[in-house]
C-alpha atoms as a PDB file:
ATOM      1  CA  MET A   1      -0.097  -0.004   0.099  1.00  0.00           C
ATOM      2  CA  GLN A   2       1.534   3.372  -1.035  1.00  0.00           C
ATOM      3  CA  ASP A   3       1.723   5.957   1.574  1.00  0.00           C
ATOM      4  CA  ASN A   4      -0.878   8.278  -0.247  1.00  0.00           C
ATOM      5  CA  SER A   5      -3.285   5.390  -0.458  1.00  0.00           C
ATOM      6  CA  ASN A   6      -5.902   3.769   2.022  1.00  0.00           C
ATOM      7  CA  TYR A   7      -7.191   0.382   2.566  1.00  0.00           C
ATOM      8  CA  GLY A   8     -10.376   1.230   1.034  1.00  0.00           C
ATOM      9  CA  VAL A   9      -8.869   2.263  -2.150  1.00  0.00           C
ATOM     10  CA  ALA A  10      -6.397  -0.655  -2.243  1.00  0.00           C
ATOM     11  CA  VAL A  11      -9.290  -3.075  -1.992  1.00  0.00           C
ATOM     12  CA  LEU A  12     -10.877  -1.434  -4.888  1.00  0.00           C
ATOM     13  CA  GLU A  13      -7.510  -1.718  -7.020  1.00  0.00           C
ATOM     14  CA  LEU A  14      -7.370  -5.520  -5.774  1.00  0.00           C
ATOM     15  CA  SER A  15     -10.915  -6.202  -6.913  1.00  0.00           C
ATOM     16  CA  ARG A  16     -10.028  -4.829 -10.679  1.00  0.00           C
ATOM     17  CA  ALA A  17      -7.039  -6.854 -10.655  1.00  0.00           C
ATOM     18  CA  HIS A  18      -8.754 -10.035  -9.320  1.00  0.00           C
ATOM     19  CA  PRO A  19     -12.528  -9.612  -9.584  1.00  0.00           C
ATOM     20  CA  ASP A  20     -13.347 -13.049  -9.380  1.00  0.00           C
ATOM     21  CA  ARG A  21     -11.306 -14.094  -6.137  1.00  0.00           C
ATOM     22  CA  THR A  22     -13.217 -14.901  -3.200  1.00  0.00           C
ATOM     23  CA  ALA A  23     -13.144 -12.193  -0.557  1.00  0.00           C
ATOM     24  CA  PHE A  24     -14.755 -13.835   2.229  1.00  0.00           C
ATOM     25  CA  ARG A  25     -16.955 -16.781   2.797  1.00  0.00           C
ATOM     26  CA  GLY A  26     -19.648 -17.702   5.416  1.00  0.00           C
ATOM     27  CA  ALA A  27     -21.909 -20.733   5.841  1.00  0.00           C
ATOM     28  CA  GLU A  28     -24.510 -19.349   3.503  1.00  0.00           C
ATOM     29  CA  VAL A  29     -22.697 -16.995   1.229  1.00  0.00           C
ATOM     30  CA  SER A  30     -19.464 -16.378  -0.872  1.00  0.00           C
ATOM     31  CA  VAL A  31     -18.572 -12.960  -1.712  1.00  0.00           C
ATOM     32  CA  THR A  32     -16.074 -12.157  -4.551  1.00  0.00           C
ATOM     33  CA  LEU A  33     -13.932  -9.238  -4.647  1.00  0.00           C
ATOM     34  CA  ALA A  34     -15.925  -7.513  -7.530  1.00  0.00           C
ATOM     35  CA  GLN A  35     -19.069  -7.784  -5.296  1.00  0.00           C
ATOM     36  CA  VAL A  36     -17.309  -6.237  -2.348  1.00  0.00           C
ATOM     37  CA  ALA A  37     -16.004  -3.444  -4.531  1.00  0.00           C
ATOM     38  CA  SER A  38     -19.502  -2.931  -5.898  1.00  0.00           C
ATOM     39  CA  LEU A  39     -21.259  -2.822  -2.519  1.00  0.00           C
ATOM     40  CA  MET A  40     -18.303  -0.841  -0.936  1.00  0.00           C
ATOM     41  CA  THR A  41     -18.950   2.028  -3.570  1.00  0.00           C
ATOM     42  CA  ARG A  42     -22.609   2.098  -3.031  1.00  0.00           C
ATOM     43  CA  PHE A  43     -22.110   1.862   0.772  1.00  0.00           C
ATOM     44  CA  ALA A  44     -19.678   4.716   0.812  1.00  0.00           C
ATOM     45  CA  VAL A  45     -22.081   6.908  -1.255  1.00  0.00           C
ATOM     46  CA  ASN A  46     -24.972   6.115   1.206  1.00  0.00           C
ATOM     47  CA  LEU A  47     -22.630   7.140   4.221  1.00  0.00           C
ATOM     48  CA  LYS A  48     -21.724  10.230   2.257  1.00  0.00           C
ATOM     49  CA  VAL A  49     -25.498  11.269   1.985  1.00  0.00           C
ATOM     50  CA  ARG A  50     -25.901  10.746   5.608  1.00  0.00           C
ATOM     51  CA  GLY A  51     -22.907  13.111   6.343  1.00  0.00           C
ATOM     52  CA  VAL A  52     -20.005  10.702   6.861  1.00  0.00           C
ATOM     53  CA  ASP A  53     -16.856  12.067   5.730  1.00  0.00           C
ATOM     54  CA  ALA A  54     -13.160  12.485   6.909  1.00  0.00           C
ATOM     55  CA  SER A  55     -13.953  14.109  10.082  1.00  0.00           C
ATOM     56  CA  SER A  56     -16.285  11.365  11.191  1.00  0.00           C
ATOM     57  CA  SER A  57     -15.952   8.337  13.483  1.00  0.00           C
ATOM     58  CA  VAL A  58     -18.643   5.489  12.872  1.00  0.00           C
ATOM     59  CA  VAL A  59     -19.580   2.799  15.361  1.00  0.00           C
ATOM     60  CA  ILE A  60     -20.578  -0.217  13.473  1.00  0.00           C
ATOM     61  CA  LEU A  61     -22.802  -2.826  15.200  1.00  0.00           C
ATOM     62  CA  ASP A  62     -22.929  -6.266  13.305  1.00  0.00           C
ATOM     63  CA  PRO A  63     -24.126  -8.863  15.864  1.00  0.00           C
ATOM     64  CA  GLU A  64     -24.167 -11.672  13.084  1.00  0.00           C
ATOM     65  CA  ASN A  65     -20.757 -10.836  11.542  1.00  0.00           C
ATOM     66  CA  HIS A  66     -22.641 -10.194   8.237  1.00  0.00           C
ATOM     67  CA  PRO A  67     -20.639  -9.327   5.041  1.00  0.00           C
ATOM     68  CA  ARG A  68     -22.421  -6.042   5.052  1.00  0.00           C
ATOM     69  CA  GLY A  69     -20.518  -4.956   8.375  1.00  0.00           C
ATOM     70  CA  LEU A  70     -17.111  -5.511   6.807  1.00  0.00           C
ATOM     71  CA  THR A  71     -18.124  -3.938   3.634  1.00  0.00           C
ATOM     72  CA  LEU A  72     -19.413  -0.880   5.620  1.00  0.00           C
ATOM     73  CA  ALA A  73     -15.819  -0.627   7.309  1.00  0.00           C
ATOM     74  CA  LEU A  74     -14.308  -0.879   4.063  1.00  0.00           C
ATOM     75  CA  ALA A  75     -16.630   1.988   2.795  1.00  0.00           C
ATOM     76  CA  CYS A  76     -15.517   4.004   5.830  1.00  0.00           C
ATOM     77  CA  GLY A  77     -11.968   3.862   4.388  1.00  0.00           C
ATOM     78  CA  LEU A  78     -12.899   5.164   1.072  1.00  0.00           C
ATOM     79  CA  LEU A  79     -14.232   8.353   2.871  1.00  0.00           C
ATOM     80  CA  GLY A  80     -11.400   8.589   5.336  1.00  0.00           C
ATOM     81  CA  ALA A  81     -13.877   7.959   8.351  1.00  0.00           C
ATOM     82  CA  ARG A  82     -12.617   6.244  11.420  1.00  0.00           C
ATOM     83  CA  TRP A  83     -14.702   3.118  12.620  1.00  0.00           C
ATOM     84  CA  VAL A  84     -14.843   0.880  15.581  1.00  0.00           C
ATOM     85  CA  ALA A  85     -17.003  -2.231  16.144  1.00  0.00           C
ATOM     86  CA  TYR A  86     -19.743  -1.796  18.758  1.00  0.00           C
ATOM     87  CA  GLY A  87     -19.214  -3.026  22.154  1.00  0.00           C
ATOM     88  CA  LYS A  88     -21.691  -2.706  25.409  1.00  0.00           C
ATOM     89  CA  ASN A  89     -20.841   0.513  27.579  1.00  0.00           C
ATOM     90  CA  MET A  90     -18.872   2.011  24.757  1.00  0.00           C
ATOM     91  CA  PRO A  91     -17.742   5.578  25.412  1.00  0.00           C
ATOM     92  CA  PHE A  92     -19.342   7.280  22.396  1.00  0.00           C
ATOM     93  CA  ALA A  93     -18.023  10.900  23.423  1.00  0.00           C
ATOM     94  CA  ALA A  94     -14.538   9.718  24.164  1.00  0.00           C
ATOM     95  CA  LEU A  95     -14.199   8.155  20.680  1.00  0.00           C
ATOM     96  CA  GLY A  96     -15.692  11.133  19.106  1.00  0.00           C
ATOM     97  CA  THR A  97     -18.435   9.033  17.629  1.00  0.00           C
ATOM     98  CA  THR A  98     -20.595  11.038  15.005  1.00  0.00           C
ATOM     99  CA  HIS A  99     -22.556   8.148  13.397  1.00  0.00           C
ATOM    100  CA  PHE A 100     -23.835   4.972  14.740  1.00  0.00           C
ATOM    101  CA  MET A 101     -24.443   2.264  11.810  1.00  0.00           C
ATOM    102  CA  SER A 102     -26.424  -0.870  12.803  1.00  0.00           C
ATOM    103  CA  ILE A 103     -26.675  -4.116  10.602  1.00  0.00           C
ATOM    104  CA  GLY A 104     -30.505  -4.663  11.690  1.00  0.00           C
ATOM    105  CA  SER A 105     -32.310  -2.809  14.666  1.00  0.00           C
ATOM    106  CA  PRO A 106     -29.884  -1.193  17.329  1.00  0.00           C
ATOM    107  CA  PRO A 107     -30.245  -2.352  20.673  1.00  0.00           C
ATOM    108  CA  PRO A 108     -32.540  -0.283  22.948  1.00  0.00           C
ATOM    109  CA  GLU A 109     -29.452   1.111  25.169  1.00  0.00           C
ATOM    110  CA  VAL A 110     -28.249   2.903  22.128  1.00  0.00           C
ATOM    111  CA  SER A 111     -29.215   6.450  21.963  1.00  0.00           C
ATOM    112  CA  HIS A 112     -27.251   8.209  19.390  1.00  0.00           C
ATOM    113  CA  PRO A 113     -28.811  11.205  17.231  1.00  0.00           C
ATOM    114  CA  ARG A 114     -27.219   9.872  14.022  1.00  0.00           C
ATOM    115  CA  THR A 115     -28.231   6.212  14.179  1.00  0.00           C
ATOM    116  CA  HIS A 116     -28.928   4.475  10.889  1.00  0.00           C
ATOM    117  CA  VAL A 117     -30.106   0.834   9.981  1.00  0.00           C
ATOM    118  CA  VAL A 118     -28.031  -0.537   7.156  1.00  0.00           C
ATOM    119  CA  ASP A 119     -30.339  -2.840   5.318  1.00  0.00           C
ATOM    120  CA  ASP A 120     -30.808  -4.271   1.685  1.00  0.00           C
ATOM    121  CA  SER A 121     -31.558  -0.563   0.422  1.00  0.00           C
ATOM    122  CA  TRP A 122     -28.025   0.167   0.843  1.00  0.00           C
ATOM    123  CA  SER A 123     -27.079  -2.036  -1.904  1.00  0.00           C
ATOM    124  CA  SER A 124     -28.542   0.555  -4.372  1.00  0.00           C
ATOM    125  CA  TYR A 125     -27.488   4.079  -4.730  1.00  0.00           C
ATOM    126  CA  PRO A 126     -29.662   6.606  -2.833  1.00  0.00           C
ATOM    127  CA  ALA A 127     -32.420   8.057  -4.967  1.00  0.00           C
ATOM    128  CA  SER A 128     -30.957  11.471  -4.400  1.00  0.00           C
ATOM    129  CA  TRP A 129     -27.458  10.608  -5.795  1.00  0.00           C
ATOM    130  CA  ASP A 130     -26.495  11.280  -9.490  1.00  0.00           C
ATOM    131  CA  THR A 131     -25.322   8.210 -10.865  1.00  0.00           C
ATOM    132  CA  SER A 132     -24.120   9.632 -14.112  1.00  0.00           C
ATOM    133  CA  ARG A 133     -21.236  11.347 -12.036  1.00  0.00           C
ATOM    134  CA  PRO A 134     -18.301   9.223 -11.238  1.00  0.00           C
ATOM    135  CA  GLU A 135     -17.749   8.536  -7.542  1.00  0.00           C
ATOM    136  CA  SER A 136     -14.547  10.088  -6.054  1.00  0.00           C
ATOM    137  CA  PHE A 137     -13.360   9.381  -2.809  1.00  0.00           C
ATOM    138  CA  LYS A 138     -10.632  11.328  -1.030  1.00  0.00           C
ATOM    139  CA  GLY A 139      -9.946   8.781   1.879  1.00  0.00           C
ATOM    140  CA  PHE A 140      -7.068   9.340   4.170  1.00  0.00           C
ATOM    141  CA  SER A 141      -4.371  11.819   3.957  1.00  0.00           C
ATOM    142  CA  SER A 142      -1.850   9.142   4.855  1.00  0.00           C
ATOM    143  CA  SER A 143      -2.006   5.302   5.190  1.00  0.00           C
ATOM    144  CA  ASP A 144      -0.702   6.115   8.692  1.00  0.00           C
ATOM    145  CA  ASP A 145      -3.721   7.969   9.941  1.00  0.00           C
ATOM    146  CA  THR A 146      -6.158   6.672  12.180  1.00  0.00           C
ATOM    147  CA  ALA A 147      -8.551   4.175  10.589  1.00  0.00           C
ATOM    148  CA  LEU A 148     -10.000   2.335  13.213  1.00  0.00           C
ATOM    149  CA  PHE A 149     -10.342   1.891  17.199  1.00  0.00           C
ATOM    150  CA  VAL A 150      -9.750  -1.567  18.544  1.00  0.00           C
ATOM    151  CA  GLY A 151     -11.225  -2.666  21.731  1.00  0.00           C
ATOM    152  CA  THR A 152      -9.041  -4.235  24.172  1.00  0.00           C
ATOM    153  CA  SER A 153      -9.530  -5.371  27.715  1.00  0.00           C
ATOM    154  CA  GLY A 154      -6.309  -3.932  29.092  1.00  0.00           C
ATOM    155  CA  THR A 155      -5.159  -4.565  32.663  1.00  0.00           C
ATOM    156  CA  THR A 156      -8.237  -3.313  34.473  1.00  0.00           C
ATOM    157  CA  GLY A 157     -10.730  -5.509  32.975  1.00  0.00           C
ATOM    158  CA  SER A 158     -12.530  -2.638  31.583  1.00  0.00           C
ATOM    159  CA  THR A 159     -12.530  -2.047  27.649  1.00  0.00           C
ATOM    160  CA  LYS A 160      -9.865   0.529  26.507  1.00  0.00           C
ATOM    161  CA  TYR A 161      -9.758   1.622  22.750  1.00  0.00           C
ATOM    162  CA  VAL A 162      -6.453   1.773  20.816  1.00  0.00           C
ATOM    163  CA  ALA A 163      -6.075   3.712  17.672  1.00  0.00           C
ATOM    164  CA  ARG A 164      -4.796   1.889  14.515  1.00  0.00           C
ATOM    165  CA  SER A 165      -3.890   3.088  11.140  1.00  0.00           C
ATOM    166  CA  GLY A 166      -4.957   2.232   7.632  1.00  0.00           C
ATOM    167  CA  ARG A 167      -1.718   0.551   7.221  1.00  0.00           C
ATOM    168  CA  TYR A 168      -2.296  -1.590  10.193  1.00  0.00           C
ATOM    169  CA  LEU A 169      -5.631  -2.811   8.680  1.00  0.00           C
ATOM    170  CA  TRP A 170      -4.301  -3.357   5.275  1.00  0.00           C
ATOM    171  CA  ASP A 171      -1.526  -5.559   6.543  1.00  0.00           C
ATOM    172  CA  LYS A 172      -4.108  -7.546   8.652  1.00  0.00           C
ATOM    173  CA  ILE A 173      -6.252  -7.879   5.485  1.00  0.00           C
ATOM    174  CA  GLN A 174      -3.154  -9.047   3.290  1.00  0.00           C
ATOM    175  CA  SER A 175      -2.237 -11.516   5.810  1.00  0.00           C
ATOM    176  CA  ARG A 176      -5.415 -13.555   5.565  1.00  0.00           C
END
């Protein structure tokens, strides 16, 4: 990954080079890189029309580990938005959370003004989007910018969140 790139753009480039390669496989679904790239682009546009940009921190709740959750995280990379997987008692304010995205209904304890349910409609461009214009995604300024927060139990037993770069995430993706 070049320093001026980010993991979202790198996945798009990889999908152009190997469109039929399996990106991930579950018990009931197998998804190619081309399918991931297509969904990623649509998800990024859906995030963009909901106000997500490079200044955003997005919490993603994906209780079923659905491919939609991973694709949403990759779409955040296209926009340069930081993301974190939802955890109980999460310190929204400390993480600078601007948006809460839920695959399915959010739990009742979540009260965030910008909560959105990511459903099947996200697989299409929003009606307000001009599909004749090419998508351009700014992404991160550097692959060393914070791309996600990882929850860790730490030594106290309470969850702490550690910032990780896009380069860290891309290295993890490539090692799989």
